[in-house]
Amino acid sequence: MHGCAGMEFHWPRAVSGSSCGDVLAKTRRALAEHGYAHQWTLVSHETLQPANRVTRHQGIWKPLGVDLKGLPSESIGEWLVEYEEGIRFFGAALQDALGDASLLAIWRQMKSSWLVLSMRPMSVATLRSWFRQGWGSTGALPPSDLLNMARSEDLILMRCLETTPTSCIYLALGAAATIESQIVSLRAFH
């Protein structure tokens, strides 16, 4: 996509001595120190779900094992998009409320989930308004609607592509100028 760039990071565990959770925490911290302090997790079903009471009751967070009790409503939310063939839930959670261990578990289960990093405050309502109709599901590749939003709003999209016994592989995407300006901070602790 014109104006977008991406970086793939491989962190060898043997060299860094870090778990993938440690790498994620360090990456988030480094980006926060460079202004990307507003960090949200976006999740969605990859495929259409049956439009029944059970699916509607479960939503997006319960099947992922995320306990909503005690979380302020402004830090986590979900919305439903109905299609002729079924339904899809979409959700947004403030990353500090969700926690890095939960994010890593979500990435393993939901390929259409992303960490969104912004220099400006966001809210569930903001994210819901941007993605009223959700976003496409393209597996580990970012859907064009998320990339367009990242480019126009100066956001960084990030996700874990793979964890192996020897390394953690992360992908960061966004406006070309944004990604290029963050290369130093993201590689500083490699």
N, C-alpha and C. Protein backbone atom coordinates (compact mmCIF):
# COMPACT_ATOMS: atom_id res chain seq x y z
N MET A 1 0.84 -1.17 0.00
CA MET A 1 0.00 0.00 0.00
C MET A 1 0.89 1.23 0.00
N HIS A 2 0.58 2.20 -0.85
CA HIS A 2 1.37 3.41 -1.00
C HIS A 2 1.43 4.18 0.33
N GLY A 3 2.63 4.54 0.73
CA GLY A 3 2.80 5.33 1.94
C GLY A 3 2.92 4.52 3.21
N CYS A 4 2.87 3.20 3.11
CA CYS A 4 3.00 2.34 4.29
C CYS A 4 4.33 1.62 4.26
N ALA A 5 4.81 1.27 5.43
CA ALA A 5 6.05 0.51 5.54
C ALA A 5 5.89 -0.49 6.67
N GLY A 6 6.76 -1.46 6.67
CA GLY A 6 6.72 -2.46 7.73
C GLY A 6 8.11 -2.92 8.09
N MET A 7 8.22 -3.43 9.30
CA MET A 7 9.48 -4.01 9.76
C MET A 7 9.16 -5.33 10.43
N GLU A 8 9.98 -6.31 10.15
CA GLU A 8 9.86 -7.60 10.82
C GLU A 8 11.07 -7.71 11.74
N PHE A 9 10.81 -8.08 13.01
CA PHE A 9 11.87 -8.19 13.99
C PHE A 9 12.00 -9.63 14.46
N HIS A 10 13.22 -10.13 14.47
CA HIS A 10 13.51 -11.46 15.00
C HIS A 10 14.38 -11.27 16.24
N TRP A 11 13.89 -11.71 17.39
CA TRP A 11 14.67 -11.64 18.61
C TRP A 11 15.06 -13.05 19.02
N PRO A 12 16.33 -13.40 18.85
CA PRO A 12 16.77 -14.73 19.28
C PRO A 12 16.72 -14.81 20.81
N ARG A 13 16.02 -15.80 21.33
CA ARG A 13 15.90 -15.95 22.78
C ARG A 13 17.24 -16.29 23.42
N ALA A 14 18.04 -17.08 22.72
CA ALA A 14 19.33 -17.48 23.30
C ALA A 14 20.23 -16.27 23.51
N VAL A 15 20.18 -15.31 22.58
CA VAL A 15 21.01 -14.12 22.69
C VAL A 15 20.45 -13.15 23.72
N SER A 16 19.15 -12.91 23.64
CA SER A 16 18.56 -11.90 24.51
C SER A 16 18.24 -12.43 25.89
N GLY A 17 18.06 -13.76 26.01
CA GLY A 17 17.67 -14.33 27.29
C GLY A 17 16.28 -13.92 27.72
N SER A 18 15.48 -13.42 26.78
CA SER A 18 14.16 -12.89 27.09
C SER A 18 13.07 -13.80 26.55
N SER A 19 11.95 -13.79 27.25
CA SER A 19 10.77 -14.46 26.71
C SER A 19 10.11 -13.52 25.72
N CYS A 20 9.18 -14.05 24.94
CA CYS A 20 8.46 -13.19 23.98
C CYS A 20 7.65 -12.12 24.72
N GLY A 21 7.18 -12.45 25.92
CA GLY A 21 6.49 -11.45 26.73
C GLY A 21 7.41 -10.31 27.14
N ASP A 22 8.67 -10.66 27.49
CA ASP A 22 9.65 -9.62 27.83
C ASP A 22 9.93 -8.73 26.63
N VAL A 23 10.07 -9.35 25.46
CA VAL A 23 10.32 -8.59 24.23
C VAL A 23 9.15 -7.65 23.95
N LEU A 24 7.93 -8.15 24.09
CA LEU A 24 6.76 -7.32 23.87
C LEU A 24 6.74 -6.14 24.84
N ALA A 25 6.99 -6.40 26.11
CA ALA A 25 7.00 -5.34 27.12
C ALA A 25 8.06 -4.29 26.80
N LYS A 26 9.26 -4.74 26.40
CA LYS A 26 10.33 -3.80 26.06
C LYS A 26 9.98 -2.99 24.82
N THR A 27 9.37 -3.63 23.84
CA THR A 27 8.98 -2.93 22.61
C THR A 27 7.93 -1.87 22.93
N ARG A 28 6.92 -2.26 23.69
CA ARG A 28 5.87 -1.30 24.06
C ARG A 28 6.46 -0.13 24.84
N ARG A 29 7.35 -0.43 25.77
CA ARG A 29 7.96 0.62 26.58
C ARG A 29 8.80 1.56 25.71
N ALA A 30 9.59 1.00 24.79
CA ALA A 30 10.43 1.84 23.91
C ALA A 30 9.56 2.75 23.04
N LEU A 31 8.48 2.21 22.51
CA LEU A 31 7.59 3.03 21.68
C LEU A 31 6.87 4.09 22.52
N ALA A 32 6.48 3.74 23.74
CA ALA A 32 5.83 4.72 24.63
C ALA A 32 6.79 5.87 24.93
N GLU A 33 8.06 5.55 25.14
CA GLU A 33 9.06 6.59 25.41
C GLU A 33 9.25 7.52 24.21
N HIS A 34 8.91 7.04 23.02
CA HIS A 34 9.01 7.86 21.82
C HIS A 34 7.64 8.42 21.41
N GLY A 35 6.73 8.49 22.36
CA GLY A 35 5.46 9.16 22.11
C GLY A 35 4.27 8.26 21.85
N TYR A 36 4.50 6.98 21.59
CA TYR A 36 3.39 6.07 21.28
C TYR A 36 2.89 5.40 22.57
N ALA A 37 2.38 6.25 23.47
CA ALA A 37 1.99 5.80 24.80
C ALA A 37 0.56 5.27 24.88
N HIS A 38 -0.25 5.54 23.88
CA HIS A 38 -1.65 5.11 23.88
C HIS A 38 -1.74 3.81 23.07
N GLN A 39 -1.91 2.69 23.78
CA GLN A 39 -1.78 1.37 23.16
C GLN A 39 -3.04 0.56 23.41
N TRP A 40 -3.64 0.10 22.31
CA TRP A 40 -4.89 -0.65 22.35
C TRP A 40 -4.74 -1.96 21.58
N THR A 41 -5.42 -2.98 22.05
CA THR A 41 -5.49 -4.24 21.34
C THR A 41 -6.82 -4.30 20.61
N LEU A 42 -6.77 -4.60 19.32
CA LEU A 42 -7.98 -4.81 18.51
C LEU A 42 -8.09 -6.30 18.21
N VAL A 43 -9.27 -6.86 18.38
CA VAL A 43 -9.49 -8.28 18.10
C VAL A 43 -10.76 -8.44 17.28
N SER A 44 -10.80 -9.53 16.52
CA SER A 44 -12.03 -9.86 15.79
C SER A 44 -12.03 -11.35 15.47
N HIS A 45 -13.24 -11.86 15.26
CA HIS A 45 -13.34 -13.21 14.72
C HIS A 45 -12.79 -13.19 13.30
N GLU A 46 -12.12 -14.24 12.92
CA GLU A 46 -11.56 -14.31 11.57
C GLU A 46 -12.63 -14.71 10.56
N THR A 47 -13.60 -15.45 11.01
CA THR A 47 -14.66 -15.92 10.12
C THR A 47 -16.01 -15.53 10.70
N LEU A 48 -17.02 -15.61 9.88
CA LEU A 48 -18.37 -15.34 10.36
C LEU A 48 -18.78 -16.40 11.37
N GLN A 49 -19.48 -15.97 12.40
CA GLN A 49 -19.97 -16.85 13.45
C GLN A 49 -21.48 -17.06 13.26
N PRO A 50 -22.02 -18.14 13.80
CA PRO A 50 -23.46 -18.34 13.70
C PRO A 50 -24.21 -17.24 14.46
N ALA A 51 -25.29 -16.77 13.89
CA ALA A 51 -26.08 -15.70 14.51
C ALA A 51 -27.08 -16.31 15.49
N ASN A 52 -26.58 -16.83 16.61
CA ASN A 52 -27.47 -17.43 17.60
C ASN A 52 -27.23 -16.80 18.97
N ARG A 53 -28.07 -17.17 19.93
CA ARG A 53 -27.99 -16.56 21.27
C ARG A 53 -26.67 -16.87 21.97
N VAL A 54 -26.17 -18.08 21.81
CA VAL A 54 -24.92 -18.46 22.48
C VAL A 54 -23.76 -17.60 21.98
N THR A 55 -23.64 -17.47 20.68
CA THR A 55 -22.56 -16.65 20.10
C THR A 55 -22.70 -15.20 20.53
N ARG A 56 -23.91 -14.69 20.50
CA ARG A 56 -24.14 -13.29 20.92
C ARG A 56 -23.78 -13.10 22.39
N HIS A 57 -24.11 -14.07 23.23
CA HIS A 57 -23.80 -13.98 24.66
C HIS A 57 -22.28 -14.05 24.90
N GLN A 58 -21.60 -14.91 24.16
CA GLN A 58 -20.16 -15.08 24.33
C GLN A 58 -19.38 -13.84 23.90
N GLY A 59 -19.83 -13.19 22.81
CA GLY A 59 -19.11 -12.02 22.32
C GLY A 59 -17.71 -12.39 21.85
N ILE A 60 -16.79 -11.47 21.99
CA ILE A 60 -15.41 -11.70 21.54
C ILE A 60 -14.49 -12.04 22.71
N TRP A 61 -14.72 -11.47 23.89
CA TRP A 61 -13.76 -11.60 24.98
C TRP A 61 -13.89 -12.91 25.75
N LYS A 62 -15.10 -13.38 26.00
CA LYS A 62 -15.27 -14.60 26.81
C LYS A 62 -14.58 -15.80 26.20
N PRO A 63 -14.73 -16.07 24.90
CA PRO A 63 -14.02 -17.23 24.33
C PRO A 63 -12.49 -17.11 24.41
N LEU A 64 -12.01 -15.88 24.54
CA LEU A 64 -10.56 -15.67 24.64
C LEU A 64 -10.06 -15.80 26.08
N GLY A 65 -11.00 -15.97 27.01
CA GLY A 65 -10.62 -16.11 28.41
C GLY A 65 -10.30 -14.81 29.11
N VAL A 66 -10.74 -13.69 28.53
CA VAL A 66 -10.50 -12.39 29.14
C VAL A 66 -11.62 -12.11 30.14
N ASP A 67 -11.24 -11.90 31.38
CA ASP A 67 -12.21 -11.61 32.43
C ASP A 67 -12.50 -10.12 32.44
N LEU A 68 -13.73 -9.76 32.13
CA LEU A 68 -14.11 -8.36 32.06
C LEU A 68 -14.45 -7.76 33.42
N LYS A 69 -14.61 -8.61 34.43
CA LYS A 69 -14.98 -8.12 35.76
C LYS A 69 -13.87 -7.21 36.29
N GLY A 70 -14.28 -6.08 36.78
CA GLY A 70 -13.34 -5.14 37.38
C GLY A 70 -12.66 -4.22 36.38
N LEU A 71 -12.83 -4.48 35.08
CA LEU A 71 -12.22 -3.59 34.09
C LEU A 71 -13.18 -2.43 33.82
N PRO A 72 -12.70 -1.21 33.87
CA PRO A 72 -13.59 -0.07 33.58
C PRO A 72 -14.11 -0.13 32.14
N SER A 73 -15.35 0.25 31.96
CA SER A 73 -15.96 0.15 30.63
C SER A 73 -15.24 1.00 29.60
N GLU A 74 -14.54 2.05 30.02
CA GLU A 74 -13.82 2.87 29.05
C GLU A 74 -12.52 2.22 28.60
N SER A 75 -12.13 1.09 29.23
CA SER A 75 -10.87 0.46 28.85
C SER A 75 -11.06 -0.81 28.01
N ILE A 76 -12.31 -1.26 27.84
CA ILE A 76 -12.54 -2.46 27.04
C ILE A 76 -13.96 -2.43 26.48
N GLY A 77 -14.11 -2.88 25.25
CA GLY A 77 -15.45 -2.91 24.66
C GLY A 77 -15.49 -3.85 23.47
N GLU A 78 -16.71 -4.10 23.00
CA GLU A 78 -16.88 -4.94 21.82
C GLU A 78 -18.12 -4.45 21.08
N TRP A 79 -18.16 -4.78 19.78
CA TRP A 79 -19.33 -4.46 18.98
C TRP A 79 -19.55 -5.56 17.96
N LEU A 80 -20.79 -5.65 17.53
CA LEU A 80 -21.24 -6.71 16.66
C LEU A 80 -21.55 -6.13 15.28
N VAL A 81 -21.12 -6.85 14.25
CA VAL A 81 -21.48 -6.49 12.88
C VAL A 81 -22.22 -7.69 12.30
N GLU A 82 -23.42 -7.42 11.79
CA GLU A 82 -24.25 -8.49 11.24
C GLU A 82 -24.14 -8.52 9.72
N TYR A 83 -24.04 -9.71 9.19
CA TYR A 83 -23.98 -9.96 7.75
C TYR A 83 -25.10 -10.94 7.42
N GLU A 84 -25.40 -11.08 6.16
CA GLU A 84 -26.44 -12.05 5.77
C GLU A 84 -26.06 -13.47 6.19
N GLU A 85 -24.78 -13.79 6.10
CA GLU A 85 -24.32 -15.16 6.37
C GLU A 85 -23.99 -15.44 7.82
N GLY A 86 -23.99 -14.42 8.68
CA GLY A 86 -23.63 -14.63 10.08
C GLY A 86 -23.22 -13.32 10.74
N ILE A 87 -22.50 -13.42 11.85
CA ILE A 87 -22.07 -12.24 12.60
C ILE A 87 -20.57 -12.32 12.89
N ARG A 88 -19.98 -11.15 13.15
CA ARG A 88 -18.60 -11.07 13.62
C ARG A 88 -18.56 -10.07 14.75
N PHE A 89 -17.85 -10.42 15.80
CA PHE A 89 -17.61 -9.48 16.88
C PHE A 89 -16.24 -8.85 16.69
N PHE A 90 -16.15 -7.60 17.11
CA PHE A 90 -14.90 -6.85 17.10
C PHE A 90 -14.73 -6.29 18.50
N GLY A 91 -13.51 -6.15 18.95
CA GLY A 91 -13.28 -5.63 20.30
C GLY A 91 -12.04 -4.77 20.37
N ALA A 92 -12.02 -3.92 21.38
CA ALA A 92 -10.88 -3.05 21.65
C ALA A 92 -10.64 -3.05 23.15
N ALA A 93 -9.38 -3.16 23.54
CA ALA A 93 -9.03 -3.13 24.96
C ALA A 93 -7.76 -2.31 25.15
N LEU A 94 -7.79 -1.43 26.13
CA LEU A 94 -6.60 -0.69 26.51
C LEU A 94 -5.55 -1.71 26.94
N GLN A 95 -4.38 -1.67 26.33
CA GLN A 95 -3.40 -2.72 26.55
C GLN A 95 -2.96 -2.83 28.00
N ASP A 96 -2.84 -1.72 28.70
CA ASP A 96 -2.43 -1.79 30.11
C ASP A 96 -3.47 -2.53 30.95
N ALA A 97 -4.75 -2.43 30.59
CA ALA A 97 -5.81 -3.15 31.32
C ALA A 97 -5.78 -4.63 30.96
N LEU A 98 -5.44 -4.94 29.72
CA LEU A 98 -5.45 -6.32 29.24
C LEU A 98 -4.24 -7.11 29.72
N GLY A 99 -3.05 -6.52 29.59
CA GLY A 99 -1.81 -7.18 30.00
C GLY A 99 -1.14 -7.90 28.85
N ASP A 100 0.19 -7.95 28.88
CA ASP A 100 0.97 -8.54 27.79
C ASP A 100 0.75 -10.05 27.66
N ALA A 101 0.60 -10.76 28.77
CA ALA A 101 0.38 -12.21 28.70
C ALA A 101 -0.93 -12.50 27.96
N SER A 102 -1.97 -11.72 28.24
CA SER A 102 -3.25 -11.90 27.54
C SER A 102 -3.10 -11.59 26.06
N LEU A 103 -2.34 -10.53 25.74
CA LEU A 103 -2.15 -10.18 24.34
C LEU A 103 -1.45 -11.30 23.58
N LEU A 104 -0.40 -11.87 24.16
CA LEU A 104 0.30 -12.98 23.49
C LEU A 104 -0.63 -14.17 23.28
N ALA A 105 -1.48 -14.46 24.27
CA ALA A 105 -2.44 -15.56 24.12
C ALA A 105 -3.46 -15.25 23.03
N ILE A 106 -3.90 -14.01 22.96
CA ILE A 106 -4.86 -13.60 21.92
C ILE A 106 -4.22 -13.72 20.55
N TRP A 107 -2.97 -13.28 20.41
CA TRP A 107 -2.29 -13.38 19.12
C TRP A 107 -2.18 -14.83 18.66
N ARG A 108 -1.99 -15.75 19.60
CA ARG A 108 -1.92 -17.17 19.22
C ARG A 108 -3.27 -17.68 18.73
N GLN A 109 -4.37 -17.14 19.28
CA GLN A 109 -5.71 -17.63 18.93
C GLN A 109 -6.35 -16.87 17.77
N MET A 110 -6.08 -15.60 17.64
CA MET A 110 -6.80 -14.75 16.68
C MET A 110 -5.81 -14.04 15.75
N LYS A 111 -5.74 -14.52 14.53
CA LYS A 111 -4.79 -13.92 13.58
C LYS A 111 -5.21 -12.51 13.15
N SER A 112 -6.47 -12.16 13.33
CA SER A 112 -6.90 -10.81 12.95
C SER A 112 -6.94 -9.89 14.16
N SER A 113 -5.95 -10.04 15.05
CA SER A 113 -5.81 -9.15 16.21
C SER A 113 -4.51 -8.36 16.08
N TRP A 114 -4.57 -7.12 16.52
CA TRP A 114 -3.44 -6.21 16.36
C TRP A 114 -3.27 -5.33 17.59
N LEU A 115 -2.05 -4.96 17.90
CA LEU A 115 -1.77 -3.94 18.88
C LEU A 115 -1.68 -2.63 18.11
N VAL A 116 -2.43 -1.63 18.52
CA VAL A 116 -2.46 -0.32 17.86
C VAL A 116 -1.81 0.67 18.81
N LEU A 117 -0.79 1.37 18.33
CA LEU A 117 -0.06 2.34 19.15
C LEU A 117 -0.25 3.73 18.56
N SER A 118 -0.58 4.68 19.42
CA SER A 118 -0.90 6.03 18.96
C SER A 118 -0.20 7.06 19.84
N MET A 119 0.07 8.22 19.25
CA MET A 119 0.61 9.33 20.02
C MET A 119 -0.52 10.13 20.67
N ARG A 120 -1.74 9.95 20.19
CA ARG A 120 -2.89 10.67 20.71
C ARG A 120 -3.79 9.73 21.50
N PRO A 121 -4.45 10.27 22.54
CA PRO A 121 -5.39 9.43 23.28
C PRO A 121 -6.49 8.89 22.37
N MET A 122 -6.90 7.67 22.64
CA MET A 122 -8.01 7.04 21.92
C MET A 122 -8.93 6.44 22.97
N SER A 123 -10.09 6.02 22.53
CA SER A 123 -11.04 5.38 23.42
C SER A 123 -11.73 4.25 22.66
N VAL A 124 -12.46 3.42 23.40
CA VAL A 124 -13.25 2.38 22.75
C VAL A 124 -14.20 3.04 21.75
N ALA A 125 -14.82 4.16 22.15
CA ALA A 125 -15.77 4.86 21.27
C ALA A 125 -15.08 5.34 19.99
N THR A 126 -13.86 5.85 20.12
CA THR A 126 -13.11 6.30 18.94
C THR A 126 -12.84 5.13 18.00
N LEU A 127 -12.34 4.04 18.57
CA LEU A 127 -12.02 2.87 17.75
C LEU A 127 -13.28 2.28 17.12
N ARG A 128 -14.35 2.25 17.87
CA ARG A 128 -15.62 1.74 17.34
C ARG A 128 -16.11 2.63 16.19
N SER A 129 -15.96 3.94 16.33
CA SER A 129 -16.41 4.83 15.25
C SER A 129 -15.54 4.67 14.00
N TRP A 130 -14.24 4.46 14.18
CA TRP A 130 -13.36 4.24 13.04
C TRP A 130 -13.71 2.94 12.32
N PHE A 131 -14.05 1.93 13.12
CA PHE A 131 -14.26 0.59 12.56
C PHE A 131 -15.68 0.11 12.81
N ARG A 132 -16.64 0.98 12.55
CA ARG A 132 -18.06 0.66 12.75
C ARG A 132 -18.45 -0.64 12.07
N GLN A 133 -17.89 -0.88 10.91
CA GLN A 133 -18.17 -2.10 10.15
C GLN A 133 -17.06 -3.13 10.30
N GLY A 134 -16.23 -2.95 11.32
CA GLY A 134 -15.15 -3.89 11.55
C GLY A 134 -14.01 -3.69 10.56
N TRP A 135 -13.24 -4.73 10.36
CA TRP A 135 -12.15 -4.70 9.39
C TRP A 135 -12.06 -6.08 8.77
N GLY A 136 -11.39 -6.12 7.65
CA GLY A 136 -11.26 -7.38 6.94
C GLY A 136 -10.44 -8.40 7.72
N SER A 137 -10.58 -9.63 7.34
CA SER A 137 -9.81 -10.70 7.96
C SER A 137 -8.91 -11.31 6.90
N THR A 138 -7.62 -11.07 7.05
CA THR A 138 -6.67 -11.56 6.06
C THR A 138 -5.59 -12.41 6.71
N GLY A 139 -5.91 -13.01 7.83
CA GLY A 139 -4.91 -13.82 8.52
C GLY A 139 -3.85 -12.93 9.14
N ALA A 140 -2.60 -13.31 8.99
CA ALA A 140 -1.50 -12.57 9.61
C ALA A 140 -1.18 -11.28 8.86
N LEU A 141 -1.71 -11.11 7.65
CA LEU A 141 -1.48 -9.88 6.91
C LEU A 141 -2.48 -8.82 7.37
N PRO A 142 -2.06 -7.57 7.41
CA PRO A 142 -2.98 -6.54 7.87
C PRO A 142 -4.03 -6.21 6.81
N PRO A 143 -5.28 -6.09 7.20
CA PRO A 143 -6.30 -5.69 6.24
C PRO A 143 -6.08 -4.24 5.81
N SER A 144 -6.48 -3.92 4.59
CA SER A 144 -6.24 -2.58 4.05
C SER A 144 -6.93 -1.50 4.88
N ASP A 145 -8.09 -1.81 5.48
CA ASP A 145 -8.76 -0.78 6.28
C ASP A 145 -7.94 -0.41 7.52
N LEU A 146 -7.26 -1.37 8.13
CA LEU A 146 -6.40 -1.06 9.27
C LEU A 146 -5.15 -0.30 8.81
N LEU A 147 -4.58 -0.72 7.69
CA LEU A 147 -3.40 0.00 7.17
C LEU A 147 -3.74 1.43 6.80
N ASN A 148 -4.89 1.64 6.17
CA ASN A 148 -5.30 3.00 5.82
C ASN A 148 -5.44 3.87 7.07
N MET A 149 -6.03 3.31 8.11
CA MET A 149 -6.18 4.06 9.36
C MET A 149 -4.82 4.33 9.98
N ALA A 150 -3.93 3.36 9.96
CA ALA A 150 -2.58 3.56 10.52
C ALA A 150 -1.86 4.69 9.77
N ARG A 151 -1.98 4.69 8.47
CA ARG A 151 -1.31 5.72 7.67
C ARG A 151 -1.92 7.10 7.93
N SER A 152 -3.25 7.20 7.91
CA SER A 152 -3.89 8.51 8.04
C SER A 152 -3.83 9.06 9.46
N GLU A 153 -3.79 8.21 10.46
CA GLU A 153 -3.80 8.66 11.86
C GLU A 153 -2.44 8.56 12.55
N ASP A 154 -1.39 8.23 11.79
CA ASP A 154 -0.04 8.09 12.33
C ASP A 154 0.01 7.06 13.46
N LEU A 155 -0.56 5.89 13.19
CA LEU A 155 -0.58 4.79 14.15
C LEU A 155 0.47 3.75 13.76
N ILE A 156 0.84 2.93 14.72
CA ILE A 156 1.67 1.76 14.45
C ILE A 156 0.82 0.54 14.75
N LEU A 157 0.78 -0.40 13.82
CA LEU A 157 0.12 -1.69 14.03
C LEU A 157 1.20 -2.71 14.31
N MET A 158 0.96 -3.54 15.30
CA MET A 158 1.99 -4.52 15.64
C MET A 158 1.33 -5.84 16.00
N ARG A 159 2.00 -6.94 15.68
CA ARG A 159 1.54 -8.25 16.11
C ARG A 159 2.71 -9.23 16.10
N CYS A 160 2.54 -10.28 16.85
CA CYS A 160 3.52 -11.35 16.89
C CYS A 160 3.19 -12.30 15.74
N LEU A 161 4.14 -12.55 14.87
CA LEU A 161 3.92 -13.47 13.76
C LEU A 161 4.15 -14.91 14.18
N GLU A 162 5.16 -15.09 15.03
CA GLU A 162 5.51 -16.47 15.39
C GLU A 162 6.38 -16.47 16.63
N THR A 163 6.18 -17.47 17.45
CA THR A 163 7.10 -17.72 18.56
C THR A 163 7.61 -19.14 18.39
N THR A 164 8.88 -19.28 18.50
CA THR A 164 9.51 -20.60 18.40
C THR A 164 10.34 -20.79 19.66
N PRO A 165 10.85 -21.99 19.87
CA PRO A 165 11.71 -22.18 21.05
C PRO A 165 12.97 -21.31 21.02
N THR A 166 13.34 -20.82 19.83
CA THR A 166 14.58 -20.05 19.74
C THR A 166 14.39 -18.57 19.45
N SER A 167 13.18 -18.14 19.02
CA SER A 167 13.03 -16.71 18.70
C SER A 167 11.57 -16.26 18.77
N CYS A 168 11.43 -14.94 18.79
CA CYS A 168 10.14 -14.26 18.72
C CYS A 168 10.18 -13.41 17.46
N ILE A 169 9.15 -13.49 16.64
CA ILE A 169 9.12 -12.72 15.40
C ILE A 169 7.93 -11.77 15.46
N TYR A 170 8.22 -10.46 15.39
CA TYR A 170 7.19 -9.43 15.45
C TYR A 170 7.16 -8.65 14.15
N LEU A 171 5.99 -8.08 13.86
CA LEU A 171 5.81 -7.24 12.69
C LEU A 171 5.24 -5.91 13.14
N ALA A 172 5.82 -4.82 12.67
CA ALA A 172 5.31 -3.47 12.95
C ALA A 172 5.04 -2.79 11.62
N LEU A 173 3.86 -2.20 11.48
CA LEU A 173 3.44 -1.56 10.24
C LEU A 173 2.86 -0.18 10.52
N GLY A 174 2.95 0.70 9.54
CA GLY A 174 2.35 2.02 9.67
C GLY A 174 2.79 2.90 8.53
N ALA A 175 2.58 4.20 8.69
CA ALA A 175 3.02 5.16 7.69
C ALA A 175 4.53 5.03 7.54
N ALA A 176 5.01 5.13 6.31
CA ALA A 176 6.44 4.92 6.05
C ALA A 176 7.31 5.81 6.93
N ALA A 177 6.98 7.09 7.03
CA ALA A 177 7.79 8.01 7.83
C ALA A 177 7.78 7.61 9.30
N THR A 178 6.65 7.15 9.80
CA THR A 178 6.54 6.73 11.20
C THR A 178 7.41 5.53 11.47
N ILE A 179 7.30 4.52 10.62
CA ILE A 179 8.09 3.30 10.82
C ILE A 179 9.57 3.59 10.71
N GLU A 180 9.95 4.37 9.70
CA GLU A 180 11.36 4.71 9.54
C GLU A 180 11.89 5.47 10.74
N SER A 181 11.10 6.37 11.33
CA SER A 181 11.57 7.14 12.48
C SER A 181 11.68 6.28 13.74
N GLN A 182 10.99 5.16 13.79
CA GLN A 182 10.99 4.31 14.98
C GLN A 182 11.98 3.15 14.89
N ILE A 183 12.63 2.98 13.76
CA ILE A 183 13.57 1.85 13.60
C ILE A 183 14.62 1.85 14.69
N VAL A 184 15.19 3.01 14.98
CA VAL A 184 16.26 3.10 15.98
C VAL A 184 15.74 2.67 17.34
N SER A 185 14.56 3.17 17.75
CA SER A 185 14.06 2.83 19.08
C SER A 185 13.69 1.36 19.17
N LEU A 186 13.17 0.78 18.10
CA LEU A 186 12.78 -0.63 18.14
C LEU A 186 13.98 -1.56 18.09
N ARG A 187 15.03 -1.15 17.44
CA ARG A 187 16.22 -2.01 17.34
C ARG A 187 17.21 -1.76 18.48
N ALA A 188 16.98 -0.73 19.25
CA ALA A 188 17.94 -0.35 20.30
C ALA A 188 18.17 -1.44 21.32
N PHE A 189 17.16 -2.23 21.62
CA PHE A 189 17.33 -3.24 22.65
C PHE A 189 17.44 -4.64 22.09
N HIS A 190 17.60 -4.77 20.77
CA HIS A 190 17.73 -6.08 20.13
C HIS A 190 18.99 -6.75 20.63
